[in-house]
Protein backbone atom coordinates (compact mmCIF):
# COMPACT_ATOMS: atom_id res chain seq x y z
CA MET A 1 -35.03 -34.14 47.92
CA ILE A 2 -33.45 -33.78 51.81
CA GLU A 3 -35.19 -34.41 54.98
CA LEU A 4 -34.90 -35.31 58.37
CA LEU A 5 -35.76 -39.40 58.82
CA ASN A 6 -34.99 -41.44 62.29
CA GLN A 7 -32.45 -38.54 63.51
CA GLU A 8 -30.70 -38.91 59.98
CA LEU A 9 -30.33 -36.25 57.33
CA VAL A 10 -31.39 -38.28 54.02
CA LEU A 11 -30.08 -36.65 50.86
CA SER A 12 -32.13 -38.34 47.73
CA GLY A 13 -31.61 -37.55 43.72
CA LYS A 14 -29.37 -35.12 42.30
CA ILE A 15 -27.36 -32.02 43.57
CA ASP A 16 -26.61 -30.67 40.49
CA PHE A 17 -25.31 -26.31 39.53
CA ILE A 18 -29.56 -25.80 39.30
CA ASN A 19 -30.48 -26.90 43.37
CA ALA A 20 -27.07 -27.20 45.17
CA GLU A 21 -27.97 -23.43 46.64
CA SER A 22 -31.39 -24.86 47.40
CA VAL A 23 -30.29 -28.14 49.29
CA TYR A 24 -27.29 -26.50 50.79
CA ARG A 25 -29.54 -23.73 52.24
CA GLN A 26 -32.46 -26.58 53.27
CA GLY A 27 -29.73 -28.83 54.66
CA LEU A 28 -28.42 -26.22 56.57
CA ASN A 29 -31.87 -25.31 58.35
CA LEU A 30 -32.43 -28.72 59.31
CA ILE A 31 -28.98 -28.50 60.76
CA GLN A 32 -29.30 -25.71 62.70
CA ALA A 33 -32.40 -26.87 63.80
CA HIS A 34 -31.04 -29.70 65.37
CA ALA A 35 -30.31 -30.03 68.60
CA GLN A 36 -27.94 -33.00 69.19
CA PHE A 37 -25.10 -33.60 67.38
CA PRO A 38 -22.81 -35.68 65.50
CA LEU A 39 -26.30 -36.06 63.16
CA VAL A 40 -25.86 -38.54 60.63
CA VAL A 41 -25.80 -37.61 56.66
CA ASN A 42 -27.15 -40.81 54.99
CA LEU A 43 -26.48 -40.57 51.15
CA ALA A 44 -27.44 -43.86 50.15
CA GLN A 45 -30.15 -42.36 47.98
CA LEU A 46 -28.09 -39.95 46.43
CA GLU A 47 -27.98 -40.39 42.37
CA GLN A 48 -24.12 -39.23 42.43
CA GLY A 49 -21.47 -38.18 43.93
CA SER A 50 -19.90 -35.51 41.93
CA THR A 51 -17.62 -32.49 43.34
CA LEU A 52 -20.51 -30.09 43.26
CA ALA A 53 -22.57 -32.61 45.97
CA LEU A 54 -19.32 -32.80 48.27
CA ALA A 55 -18.97 -29.09 48.19
CA VAL A 56 -22.57 -28.46 49.62
CA LEU A 57 -21.45 -31.54 52.39
CA VAL A 58 -18.21 -29.73 53.52
CA GLN A 59 -20.22 -26.19 53.62
CA TRP A 60 -22.20 -27.96 55.81
CA LEU A 61 -20.09 -29.32 57.71
CA ARG A 62 -18.08 -25.80 58.20
CA LYS A 63 -21.65 -24.27 59.83
CA THR A 64 -21.84 -26.78 62.48
CA PRO A 65 -20.67 -26.53 66.10
CA ASN A 66 -17.16 -28.95 65.87
CA ALA A 67 -15.35 -30.94 63.35
CA GLN A 68 -17.37 -34.03 64.17
CA SER A 69 -20.80 -32.50 64.10
CA LEU A 70 -21.75 -34.47 61.40
CA GLN A 71 -21.08 -38.25 59.60
CA PHE A 72 -21.89 -39.63 56.69
CA LYS A 73 -23.06 -42.67 55.57
CA ALA A 74 -23.04 -44.32 52.59
CA VAL A 75 -21.11 -42.64 50.94
CA PRO A 76 -21.08 -43.38 46.66
CA GLU A 77 -18.04 -45.09 45.94
CA LYS A 78 -17.37 -41.74 43.05
CA MET A 79 -17.96 -39.66 45.71
CA LEU A 80 -14.89 -41.99 47.94
CA LYS A 81 -12.75 -41.39 45.49
CA ILE A 82 -12.82 -37.63 45.43
CA ILE A 83 -12.55 -37.32 48.91
CA GLN A 84 -9.51 -39.40 48.54
CA ALA A 85 -7.93 -37.46 45.92
CA CYS A 86 -8.46 -34.34 47.45
CA HIS A 87 -7.01 -36.27 50.97
CA LEU A 88 -10.46 -35.00 52.79
CA GLN A 89 -10.64 -38.60 54.58
CA ASP A 90 -9.12 -37.48 57.63
CA ASP A 91 -11.48 -34.24 57.52
CA LEU A 92 -14.51 -36.30 57.16
CA GLN A 93 -16.07 -38.78 59.65
CA LEU A 94 -17.27 -41.76 57.52
CA LEU A 95 -19.29 -44.32 58.53
CA ALA A 96 -18.92 -47.96 57.15
């Protein structure tokens, strides 16, 4: 579901109400153990970009040393639309 590969935090599968807390905690542990920032969060294998998944990402960002500590890669189209609707595109560092 979440692992550190090639200096990227890779999310796979689906984040839902059943596993959101677990995904958050696992990711936070990996982020806090990581020494170099920014850290790329790769979402290419995420099954769907929901508001719940976005909430997990934003909570991780709040726990990092600064606002540019996480960079988001391969953001799903649905999540991009949610980010734009919430006017978060300036708060999240999105990679092409």
